Amino acid sequence: MTAASLLHPRGELAVAAACLVALTAAVVTLGALPADAAVREALLALAATPGLVDAMRVVNRAGEWPVLLPGTLALFVVFRRARERWWVWVTLMVAAPLMEGLLKYLVGRSRPEDVSLGFPSGHATASAAFFGAVMLLAGALPPGACAWVRAAAAVMIGLVGLARVILRAHWPSDVLAGIALGLALAAAAGLLAARARPAP
């Protein structure tokens, strides 16, 4: 099995969507999940050093538009498949914050230290959408490069999510829901790109 065959957008969409639905249902039903506080406190205890917090502030930028916008443009330079169906990937990056904002409004759960809405995490959603697209597009690379790019993209998704908890912005379930939403949207974009005909 090659690295290019490891991701299947239909399967990824089903798993990510199922996780998102389960998390949303749990949060709507229970409010704060039983493990949220314990996991958050454990992560905050591990991140008690100013140096680690500063590092997480840098990582956090990978979920912000000043990084994601040029990153999305870079996809068109690096990947021919992205250029052929550029509108799919642009739509993905526009849909991610819209869907995240709508879900925040519908669920209405506050952040752990703020009254503003936090479920799902916007940073986690945006980074998962972008790096999920990178993982899908990397299938066009040689197998060795594909595996490295996909591993790096997965690490970045995880680090941005970790940063959101360590920086006291979100509950862990906010982050997990954002990752699930972003990956579901990326998988849907991958399916749409596979079905679309190349631009002339």
Protein backbone atom coordinates (compact mmCIF):
# COMPACT_ATOMS: atom_id res chain seq x y z
CA MET A 1 0.00 0.00 0.00
CA THR A 2 1.43 3.37 -0.99
CA ALA A 3 1.23 6.57 1.02
CA ALA A 4 -1.02 8.00 -1.67
CA SER A 5 -3.62 5.32 -0.95
CA LEU A 6 -3.75 5.81 2.82
CA LEU A 7 -6.43 8.51 2.74
CA HIS A 8 -9.88 7.91 1.33
CA PRO A 9 -12.02 11.08 1.46
CA ARG A 10 -15.30 9.17 1.73
CA GLY A 11 -14.12 7.21 4.77
CA GLU A 12 -12.46 10.25 6.31
CA LEU A 13 -15.68 12.23 5.88
CA ALA A 14 -17.77 9.52 7.54
CA VAL A 15 -15.44 9.18 10.54
CA ALA A 16 -14.96 12.93 11.05
CA ALA A 17 -18.67 13.66 10.67
CA ALA A 18 -19.58 10.89 13.12
CA CYS A 19 -17.12 12.27 15.68
CA LEU A 20 -18.49 15.78 15.23
CA VAL A 21 -22.10 14.64 15.64
CA ALA A 22 -21.26 12.59 18.74
CA LEU A 23 -19.32 15.45 20.37
CA THR A 24 -22.02 17.99 19.56
CA ALA A 25 -24.76 15.76 20.93
CA ALA A 26 -22.77 15.15 24.11
CA VAL A 27 -22.07 18.86 24.65
CA VAL A 28 -25.69 19.86 23.96
CA THR A 29 -26.89 17.19 26.39
CA LEU A 30 -24.29 17.45 29.15
CA GLY A 31 -22.74 20.93 28.77
CA ALA A 32 -19.19 20.47 30.04
CA LEU A 33 -18.09 16.89 29.40
CA PRO A 34 -16.87 14.90 32.42
CA ALA A 35 -13.33 14.56 31.06
CA ASP A 36 -13.01 18.17 29.87
CA ALA A 37 -11.92 19.70 33.16
CA ALA A 38 -9.57 16.85 34.06
CA VAL A 39 -7.82 16.82 30.67
CA ARG A 40 -7.58 20.61 30.65
CA GLU A 41 -6.05 20.74 34.12
CA ALA A 42 -3.55 18.02 33.23
CA LEU A 43 -2.45 19.89 30.10
CA LEU A 44 -2.19 23.19 31.95
CA ALA A 45 -0.06 21.51 34.62
CA LEU A 46 2.29 20.14 31.96
CA ALA A 47 2.52 23.58 30.33
CA ALA A 48 3.43 25.49 33.47
CA THR A 49 6.66 26.87 31.99
CA PRO A 50 6.64 30.28 30.28
CA GLY A 51 8.81 28.89 27.48
CA LEU A 52 6.24 26.27 26.51
CA VAL A 53 3.42 28.79 26.65
CA ASP A 54 5.42 31.11 24.38
CA ALA A 55 6.01 28.21 21.96
CA MET A 56 2.28 27.48 21.94
CA ARG A 57 1.58 31.13 21.06
CA VAL A 58 3.75 30.68 17.96
CA VAL A 59 2.09 27.36 17.04
CA ASN A 60 -1.31 28.98 17.55
CA ARG A 61 -0.69 31.22 14.54
CA ALA A 62 -1.03 28.20 12.25
CA GLY A 63 -4.77 28.46 12.87
CA GLU A 64 -5.00 32.16 11.99
CA TRP A 65 -5.72 33.81 8.65
CA PRO A 66 -2.42 35.74 8.31
CA VAL A 67 -0.80 32.29 8.00
CA LEU A 68 -3.61 30.29 6.39
CA LEU A 69 -4.29 32.72 3.53
CA PRO A 70 -0.75 32.65 2.12
CA GLY A 71 -0.66 28.93 2.93
CA THR A 72 -3.74 28.39 0.77
CA LEU A 73 -2.15 30.37 -2.07
CA ALA A 74 0.96 28.21 -1.69
CA LEU A 75 -1.15 25.11 -2.32
CA PHE A 76 -1.84 26.42 -5.82
CA VAL A 77 1.88 26.83 -6.45
CA VAL A 78 2.88 23.40 -5.14
CA PHE A 79 0.02 21.18 -6.29
CA ARG A 80 -1.25 21.03 -9.87
CA ARG A 81 -4.42 19.29 -8.63
CA ALA A 82 -5.14 22.31 -6.43
CA ARG A 83 -4.72 24.69 -9.39
CA GLU A 84 -7.02 22.61 -11.60
CA ARG A 85 -9.83 22.81 -9.05
CA TRP A 86 -8.84 25.99 -7.24
CA TRP A 87 -12.44 26.92 -6.44
CA VAL A 88 -12.92 23.76 -4.35
CA TRP A 89 -10.03 24.61 -2.01
CA VAL A 90 -10.95 28.29 -1.79
CA THR A 91 -14.51 27.28 -0.92
CA LEU A 92 -13.16 24.95 1.76
CA MET A 93 -11.25 27.75 3.49
CA VAL A 94 -14.28 30.07 3.30
CA ALA A 95 -16.72 27.39 4.47
CA ALA A 96 -14.64 26.43 7.52
CA PRO A 97 -15.15 29.66 9.52
CA LEU A 98 -18.77 29.95 8.36
CA MET A 99 -19.64 26.45 9.54
CA GLU A 100 -17.68 26.89 12.76
CA GLY A 101 -19.47 30.18 13.51
CA LEU A 102 -22.88 28.65 12.79
CA LEU A 103 -22.18 25.70 15.07
CA LYS A 104 -20.95 28.02 17.83
CA TYR A 105 -24.25 29.89 17.62
CA LEU A 106 -26.37 26.74 17.58
CA VAL A 107 -24.58 25.03 20.49
CA GLY A 108 -24.02 28.15 22.57
CA ARG A 109 -21.37 26.82 24.97
CA SER A 110 -19.00 29.29 26.63
CA ARG A 111 -15.23 29.01 26.81
CA PRO A 112 -13.65 27.86 30.10
CA GLU A 113 -12.52 31.35 31.15
CA ASP A 114 -14.67 33.60 28.97
CA VAL A 115 -18.35 34.11 28.23
CA SER A 116 -17.77 34.12 24.47
CA LEU A 117 -18.83 31.02 22.54
CA GLY A 118 -16.23 28.29 22.20
CA PHE A 119 -17.68 25.12 20.64
CA PRO A 120 -16.09 24.31 18.23
CA SER A 121 -12.67 25.96 18.25
CA GLY A 122 -12.19 28.20 15.22
CA HIS A 123 -8.42 27.78 15.20
CA ALA A 124 -8.76 23.99 15.33
CA THR A 125 -11.38 24.04 12.56
CA ALA A 126 -9.32 26.26 10.24
CA SER A 127 -6.05 24.40 10.79
CA ALA A 128 -7.71 20.99 10.32
CA ALA A 129 -9.39 22.18 7.11
CA PHE A 130 -6.13 23.54 5.71
CA PHE A 131 -3.82 20.73 6.80
CA GLY A 132 -6.49 18.18 5.89
CA ALA A 133 -6.39 19.62 2.37
CA VAL A 134 -2.60 19.36 2.42
CA MET A 135 -2.88 15.69 3.41
CA LEU A 136 -5.27 14.98 0.54
CA LEU A 137 -3.29 16.91 -2.06
CA ALA A 138 -0.04 15.27 -0.93
CA GLY A 139 -1.27 12.06 -2.55
CA ALA A 140 0.18 13.41 -5.81
CA LEU A 141 3.71 13.45 -4.34
CA PRO A 142 6.19 10.57 -4.47
CA PRO A 143 5.41 8.03 -1.71
CA GLY A 144 8.25 9.06 0.63
CA ALA A 145 7.49 12.77 0.35
CA CYS A 146 3.76 12.09 0.67
CA ALA A 147 4.24 10.24 3.95
CA TRP A 148 6.41 13.01 5.42
CA VAL A 149 4.04 15.80 4.33
CA ARG A 150 1.02 13.98 5.72
CA ALA A 151 2.78 13.26 9.02
CA ALA A 152 3.82 16.92 9.35
CA ALA A 153 0.28 18.09 8.56
CA ALA A 154 -1.19 15.74 11.18
CA VAL A 155 1.31 16.99 13.77
CA MET A 156 0.38 20.59 13.02
CA ILE A 157 -3.33 19.86 13.49
CA GLY A 158 -2.56 18.29 16.85
CA LEU A 159 -0.25 21.09 17.95
CA VAL A 160 -2.74 23.84 17.11
CA GLY A 161 -5.41 21.98 19.06
CA LEU A 162 -3.04 21.55 22.01
CA ALA A 163 -2.17 25.24 21.88
CA ARG A 164 -5.82 26.24 22.16
CA VAL A 165 -6.15 24.35 25.45
CA ILE A 166 -2.77 25.38 26.85
CA LEU A 167 -3.49 29.02 26.04
CA ARG A 168 -6.71 28.68 28.10
CA ALA A 169 -8.95 29.51 25.14
CA HIS A 170 -10.96 26.28 24.87
CA TRP A 171 -12.14 23.09 26.47
CA PRO A 172 -10.57 19.95 24.97
CA SER A 173 -13.93 18.97 23.47
CA ASP A 174 -14.06 22.35 21.67
CA VAL A 175 -10.76 21.46 20.04
CA LEU A 176 -11.77 17.90 19.14
CA ALA A 177 -14.98 19.16 17.57
CA GLY A 178 -13.06 21.78 15.58
CA ILE A 179 -10.65 19.16 14.29
CA ALA A 180 -13.54 16.87 13.35
CA LEU A 181 -15.36 19.70 11.56
CA GLY A 182 -12.24 20.83 9.69
CA LEU A 183 -11.34 17.30 8.59
CA ALA A 184 -14.92 16.60 7.52
CA LEU A 185 -14.94 19.73 5.38
CA ALA A 186 -11.52 18.86 3.89
CA ALA A 187 -12.73 15.35 3.06
CA ALA A 188 -15.89 16.76 1.45
CA ALA A 189 -13.70 19.10 -0.62
CA GLY A 190 -11.55 16.13 -1.64
CA LEU A 191 -14.63 14.25 -2.84
CA LEU A 192 -15.88 17.29 -4.73
CA ALA A 193 -12.47 17.84 -6.32
CA ALA A 194 -12.32 14.20 -7.41
CA ARG A 195 -15.68 14.50 -9.15
CA ALA A 196 -15.14 17.91 -10.71
CA ARG A 197 -13.69 18.22 -14.17
CA PRO A 198 -10.41 20.11 -14.52
CA ALA A 199 -10.74 23.78 -15.38
CA PRO A 200 -9.92 24.52 -19.07
